[in-house]
Protein backbone atom coordinates (compact mmCIF):
# COMPACT_ATOMS: atom_id res chain seq x y z
CA UNK A 1 -0.01 -0.02 0.02
CA UNK A 2 1.11 3.44 -0.76
CA UNK A 3 -0.67 6.38 0.74
CA UNK A 4 -0.34 10.24 -0.34
CA UNK A 5 1.89 11.32 2.86
CA UNK A 6 1.52 14.78 2.05
CA UNK A 7 0.50 16.91 5.12
CA UNK A 8 -2.79 17.99 3.81
CA UNK A 9 -3.79 14.52 3.07
CA UNK A 10 -2.36 13.29 6.14
CA UNK A 11 -4.49 15.86 7.69
CA UNK A 12 -7.58 15.14 5.72
CA UNK A 13 -7.66 11.32 6.35
CA UNK A 14 -7.30 12.00 10.05
CA UNK A 15 -10.03 14.57 10.14
CA UNK A 16 -12.32 12.26 8.04
CA UNK A 17 -11.72 9.51 10.49
CA UNK A 18 -12.26 11.75 13.33
CA UNK A 19 -15.32 12.90 12.24
CA UNK A 20 -16.51 9.38 11.71
CA UNK A 21 -16.06 8.33 14.98
CA UNK A 22 -17.86 11.47 16.40
CA UNK A 23 -20.66 10.20 14.57
CA UNK A 24 -20.36 6.78 15.67
CA UNK A 25 -19.74 7.76 19.39
CA UNK A 26 -22.63 10.06 19.26
CA UNK A 27 -25.34 8.20 17.34
CA UNK A 28 -24.41 4.84 19.32
CA UNK A 29 -24.84 6.71 22.46
CA UNK A 30 -28.41 7.52 21.66
CA UNK A 31 -29.47 3.78 22.00
CA UNK A 32 -28.53 3.45 25.62
CA UNK A 33 -31.82 5.64 26.04
CA UNK A 34 -34.52 3.00 26.42
CA UNK A 35 -37.38 5.36 24.45
CA UNK A 36 -34.90 4.67 21.33
CA UNK A 37 -34.73 0.99 21.77
CA UNK A 38 -37.36 0.22 18.90
CA UNK A 39 -35.65 2.67 16.66
CA UNK A 40 -32.02 0.52 17.01
CA UNK A 41 -34.25 -2.46 15.71
CA UNK A 42 -35.63 -0.72 13.16
CA UNK A 43 -32.54 0.84 12.13
CA UNK A 44 -33.88 4.24 12.11
CA UNK A 45 -31.96 7.25 13.60
CA UNK A 46 -33.80 9.31 16.47
CA UNK A 47 -33.90 13.39 16.21
CA UNK A 48 -30.58 14.95 16.97
CA UNK A 49 -28.74 17.11 18.05
CA UNK A 50 -26.49 13.70 19.14
CA UNK A 51 -23.94 14.42 21.62
CA UNK A 52 -20.62 12.62 21.78
CA UNK A 53 -18.80 10.91 24.67
CA UNK A 54 -15.35 10.79 26.09
CA UNK A 55 -14.61 8.62 23.00
CA UNK A 56 -14.49 11.84 21.03
CA UNK A 57 -13.36 14.19 23.23
CA UNK A 58 -10.34 12.16 24.13
CA UNK A 59 -10.02 11.09 19.80
CA UNK A 60 -9.78 15.19 19.52
CA UNK A 61 -6.45 15.51 21.93
CA UNK A 62 -5.16 12.58 19.54
CA UNK A 63 -5.80 14.49 16.57
CA UNK A 64 -4.70 17.86 17.91
CA UNK A 65 -1.25 16.32 19.45
CA UNK A 66 -0.87 14.91 15.87
CA UNK A 67 -1.22 18.10 14.34
CA UNK A 68 0.64 20.00 16.73
CA UNK A 69 3.82 17.48 16.93
CA UNK A 70 3.29 15.23 13.93
CA UNK A 71 3.69 12.70 16.54
CA UNK A 72 2.48 11.65 19.55
CA UNK A 73 4.22 13.20 22.66
CA UNK A 74 2.88 11.60 25.54
CA UNK A 75 3.32 14.49 27.83
CA UNK A 76 1.41 16.58 25.48
CA UNK A 77 -1.31 14.27 24.92
CA UNK A 78 -1.84 13.66 29.04
CA UNK A 79 -2.04 17.44 29.50
CA UNK A 80 -4.82 17.67 26.57
CA UNK A 81 -6.59 14.63 27.99
CA UNK A 82 -6.60 16.51 31.49
CA UNK A 83 -6.78 20.14 30.35
CA UNK A 84 -10.16 19.32 28.21
CA UNK A 85 -11.57 16.77 30.48
CA UNK A 86 -15.24 16.90 30.76
CA UNK A 87 -16.51 14.75 33.69
CA UNK A 88 -20.22 14.84 31.90
CA UNK A 89 -18.91 12.60 29.16
CA UNK A 90 -18.76 9.33 30.45
CA UNK A 91 -15.54 8.41 31.72
CA UNK A 92 -14.82 5.33 33.73
CA UNK A 93 -14.02 6.51 37.36
CA UNK A 94 -10.49 5.36 37.31
CA UNK A 95 -9.42 7.75 34.64
CA UNK A 96 -12.15 10.66 35.81
CA UNK A 97 -9.57 10.40 38.69
CA UNK A 98 -6.39 10.22 37.06
CA UNK A 99 -6.88 12.82 34.62
CA UNK A 100 -8.06 15.31 37.64
CA UNK A 101 -4.87 14.22 39.40
CA UNK A 102 -2.85 15.21 36.40
CA UNK A 103 -4.57 18.77 36.16
CA UNK A 104 -3.41 19.05 39.81
CA UNK A 105 -0.29 18.71 38.60
CA UNK A 106 0.34 14.27 39.27
CA UNK A 107 2.62 12.52 37.19
CA UNK A 108 0.56 10.30 34.59
CA UNK A 109 3.55 8.12 34.68
CA UNK A 110 3.12 7.03 38.11
CA UNK A 111 -0.82 7.42 37.96
CA UNK A 112 -1.34 5.12 35.11
CA UNK A 113 0.96 2.55 36.23
CA UNK A 114 -0.55 2.23 39.81
CA UNK A 115 -3.84 1.56 38.52
CA UNK A 116 -6.24 -1.70 39.31
CA UNK A 117 -3.27 -2.78 41.75
CA UNK A 118 -0.11 -1.76 39.58
CA UNK A 119 -1.44 -3.71 36.53
CA UNK A 120 -2.66 -0.80 34.55
CA UNK A 121 -6.03 -0.53 33.09
CA UNK A 122 -7.10 -3.17 30.29
CA UNK A 123 -10.41 -1.15 29.50
CA UNK A 124 -10.82 -0.17 25.77
CA UNK A 125 -10.03 3.59 26.14
CA UNK A 126 -6.76 3.54 24.28
CA UNK A 127 -8.34 1.85 21.59
CA UNK A 128 -11.76 4.03 21.19
CA UNK A 129 -9.82 7.21 20.67
CA UNK A 130 -7.12 6.18 18.33
CA UNK A 131 -8.52 5.47 14.71
CA UNK A 132 -7.59 9.15 13.62
CA UNK A 133 -4.13 8.34 14.48
CA UNK A 134 -4.39 5.58 11.87
CA UNK A 135 -5.59 7.50 9.13
CA UNK A 136 -2.78 9.91 10.05
CA UNK A 137 -0.26 7.23 9.16
CA UNK A 138 -1.75 5.55 6.26
CA UNK A 139 1.52 5.81 4.59
CA UNK A 140 3.51 3.35 7.43
CA UNK A 141 1.12 1.05 9.26
CA UNK A 142 3.94 -0.24 11.41
CA UNK A 143 4.49 3.32 12.70
CA UNK A 144 0.82 3.71 13.25
CA UNK A 145 0.62 0.91 15.83
CA UNK A 146 4.16 2.23 17.38
CA UNK A 147 2.45 5.65 17.69
CA UNK A 148 -0.69 3.99 19.12
CA UNK A 149 1.44 2.13 21.70
CA UNK A 150 3.03 5.45 22.98
CA UNK A 151 -0.39 7.07 22.76
CA UNK A 152 -1.78 4.41 25.16
CA UNK A 153 0.41 4.82 27.95
CA UNK A 154 -0.61 7.78 29.49
CA UNK A 155 -3.86 6.43 30.65
CA UNK A 156 -3.90 2.85 29.82
CA UNK A 157 -0.59 0.44 30.68
CA UNK A 158 -1.89 -2.86 30.28
CA UNK A 159 -0.75 -5.24 27.76
CA UNK A 160 -4.29 -5.86 26.29
CA UNK A 161 -5.30 -2.23 26.50
CA UNK A 162 -1.97 -1.09 24.69
CA UNK A 163 -2.41 -3.73 22.20
CA UNK A 164 -6.25 -2.87 21.59
CA UNK A 165 -5.00 0.73 20.71
CA UNK A 166 -2.33 -1.07 17.98
CA UNK A 167 -4.98 -3.17 16.67
CA UNK A 168 -7.53 -0.28 15.54
CA UNK A 169 -4.66 2.01 14.61
CA UNK A 170 -3.10 -0.71 12.43
CA UNK A 171 -6.79 -1.39 10.90
CA UNK A 172 -7.61 2.58 10.03
CA UNK A 173 -4.11 2.77 8.26
CA UNK A 174 -4.91 -0.17 6.55
CA UNK A 175 -8.31 0.85 5.61
CA UNK A 176 -7.11 4.30 3.98
CA UNK A 177 -5.63 2.17 1.08
CA UNK A 178 -5.93 5.00 -1.73
CA UNK A 179 -6.68 2.21 -4.09
CA UNK A 180 -10.06 1.43 -2.50
CA UNK A 181 -10.91 -0.52 0.75
CA UNK A 182 -8.90 -4.11 1.07
CA UNK A 183 -10.97 -7.17 1.48
CA UNK A 184 -12.22 -8.27 4.64
CA UNK A 185 -9.84 -10.88 5.26
CA UNK A 186 -6.93 -9.05 3.93
CA UNK A 187 -7.85 -6.13 6.74
CA UNK A 188 -7.82 -8.64 9.53
CA UNK A 189 -4.58 -10.31 8.32
CA UNK A 190 -2.76 -7.31 8.13
CA UNK A 191 -3.68 -6.30 11.56
CA UNK A 192 -3.04 -9.71 13.00
CA UNK A 193 0.66 -9.56 11.54
CA UNK A 194 0.96 -6.04 13.04
CA UNK A 195 0.13 -6.56 16.65
CA UNK A 196 1.75 -8.92 19.23
CA UNK A 197 0.20 -12.15 20.77
CA UNK A 198 -2.11 -11.09 23.18
CA UNK A 199 -5.99 -12.08 24.01
CA UNK A 200 -6.70 -9.15 21.63
CA UNK A 201 -4.84 -10.98 19.07
CA UNK A 202 -6.46 -14.27 19.54
CA UNK A 203 -9.85 -12.50 19.16
CA UNK A 204 -8.95 -11.03 16.05
CA UNK A 205 -8.02 -14.58 14.94
CA UNK A 206 -11.42 -15.69 15.68
CA UNK A 207 -12.87 -12.80 14.10
CA UNK A 208 -11.11 -13.55 10.93
CA UNK A 209 -12.53 -16.79 11.01
CA UNK A 210 -16.12 -15.83 11.33
CA UNK A 211 -15.97 -13.43 8.77
CA UNK A 212 -18.48 -15.20 6.81
CA UNK A 213 -21.05 -15.01 9.49
CA UNK A 214 -23.90 -13.24 8.46
CA UNK A 215 -25.64 -12.57 12.33
CA UNK A 216 -23.57 -9.96 13.85
CA UNK A 217 -25.14 -11.14 17.39
CA UNK A 218 -23.61 -14.79 17.03
CA UNK A 219 -20.45 -13.19 16.43
CA UNK A 220 -20.61 -10.72 19.36
CA UNK A 221 -21.55 -13.46 21.37
CA UNK A 222 -18.23 -15.01 20.83
CA UNK A 223 -15.82 -12.04 20.21
CA UNK A 224 -17.68 -9.89 22.97
CA UNK A 225 -19.16 -6.25 22.49
CA UNK A 226 -17.69 -4.15 25.01
CA UNK A 227 -20.01 -5.10 27.60
CA UNK A 228 -17.00 -5.64 30.52
CA UNK A 229 -15.62 -2.57 28.71
CA UNK A 230 -12.19 -4.47 28.00
CA UNK A 231 -10.13 -4.17 25.19
CA UNK A 232 -10.05 -7.81 24.38
CA UNK A 233 -14.09 -7.84 24.98
CA UNK A 234 -14.48 -5.11 22.66
CA UNK A 235 -11.54 -4.51 19.80
CA UNK A 236 -11.89 -7.87 17.91
CA UNK A 237 -15.99 -7.23 17.35
CA UNK A 238 -15.69 -3.85 16.39
CA UNK A 239 -12.74 -4.70 13.91
CA UNK A 240 -14.92 -7.65 12.49
CA UNK A 241 -17.60 -5.19 11.78
CA UNK A 242 -15.17 -2.52 10.44
CA UNK A 243 -13.90 -5.13 8.11
CA UNK A 244 -17.14 -6.51 6.72
CA UNK A 245 -18.39 -2.93 6.36
CA UNK A 246 -15.57 -1.00 4.66
CA UNK A 247 -16.75 1.62 2.07
CA UNK A 248 -20.05 1.64 3.85
CA UNK A 249 -20.26 3.86 7.07
CA UNK A 250 -24.35 3.03 7.82
CA UNK A 251 -23.71 -0.74 6.91
CA UNK A 252 -21.20 -0.40 9.67
CA UNK A 253 -22.68 1.35 12.11
CA UNK A 254 -25.93 -0.56 12.41
CA UNK A 255 -24.24 -4.03 12.30
CA UNK A 256 -22.29 -2.51 15.11
CA UNK A 257 -25.05 -1.08 17.10
CA UNK A 258 -27.61 -4.10 16.69
CA UNK A 259 -25.70 -5.93 19.03
CA UNK A 260 -25.79 -3.78 22.24
CA UNK A 261 -22.98 -3.66 24.44
CA UNK A 262 -20.61 -0.42 24.60
CA UNK A 263 -22.35 0.60 22.00
CA UNK A 264 -20.99 4.39 21.73
CA UNK A 265 -17.31 2.52 21.81
CA UNK A 266 -17.80 -0.24 19.60
CA UNK A 267 -19.17 2.23 16.93
CA UNK A 268 -16.74 4.96 17.53
CA UNK A 269 -13.88 2.38 16.89
CA UNK A 270 -15.53 0.86 13.86
CA UNK A 271 -17.29 3.72 12.20
CA UNK A 272 -13.48 5.84 12.81
CA UNK A 273 -11.86 2.73 10.93
CA UNK A 274 -14.49 2.82 7.81
CA UNK A 275 -14.15 6.46 8.02
CA UNK A 276 -10.46 6.47 7.52
CA UNK A 277 -11.24 4.94 3.91
CA UNK A 278 -12.82 6.11 0.54
CA UNK A 279 -16.29 5.92 0.18
CA UNK A 280 -16.31 5.49 3.95
CA UNK A 281 -17.91 8.98 5.05
CA UNK A 282 -20.86 9.12 7.52
CA UNK A 283 -24.03 10.30 5.67
CA UNK A 284 -24.43 14.42 5.53
CA UNK A 285 -27.53 14.04 7.74
CA UNK A 286 -26.21 12.28 10.36
CA UNK A 287 -23.04 14.70 10.39
CA UNK A 288 -25.22 17.56 11.10
CA UNK A 289 -27.12 15.91 13.81
CA UNK A 290 -23.85 14.98 15.69
CA UNK A 291 -22.65 17.47 18.14
CA UNK A 292 -19.65 19.81 16.41
CA UNK A 293 -16.05 19.06 17.04
CA UNK A 294 -15.05 21.27 19.95
CA UNK A 295 -13.64 24.76 18.95
CA UNK A 296 -10.14 23.98 20.63
CA UNK A 297 -9.39 21.03 17.89
CA UNK A 298 -7.67 22.82 14.68
CA UNK A 299 -9.91 22.65 11.75
CA UNK A 300 -12.75 22.17 13.66
CA UNK A 301 -14.91 24.57 11.44
CA UNK A 302 -13.68 23.27 8.49
């Protein structure tokens, strides 16, 4: 794969992924409201506006640091996470506390490594925010995985959380092939080759073996769909859905959301990956109903 690595194209790819992620996140979160359950079954969207969650807020920091540094600077990323942390966006309690302490002057290295009795968090938070980085590094998927690994550590230091972020970044980089979306198996094979052995990797191999399954609910029952909010319970299914839906944002969203689980996050991941590639943009009316990106994001008004 040879992707255009010019600054303008990198920016455009990453911004397209960020906007797709925001739509998937914001629309997915609407179906936690019981009154909207019937709409999900009928594949109908609720009336807007749709507010995004911590998935998008953190993805905006990833994007902003890339624009400002042309790479992931961990200290800058941790500062951005902390400075823009909105408690009401749905963060988990551990990350809420960590970002508050960073904002008060704490060292993210010590705080993140101390989480969960020194194991670090294996939640899906590092994966949910990272698709725009993969799109940014579409010319170099190996670098995408390296930068994703670096990006995980300010909040998530458990191996599974780190590998989850690497996998999503790799998928977004591979999906951005300018020749067109790769075949589903090609995408997952490429991701598997780029990540270390892990529970996430094992889940991805199962996802590859289930690409011919048409029933997303069956696949989610095997792979998980984020109900435990761990990386290995979230990333394999989200990338299964993205692989099958490349080039078709709506198909990807509905296949991902219909199984329930952590719908804002699985949809943010899958839709961010699909939006990285040609033909993967969300419908214009969905974009219009999604809350605008925050004003502190570069080119947010473009």
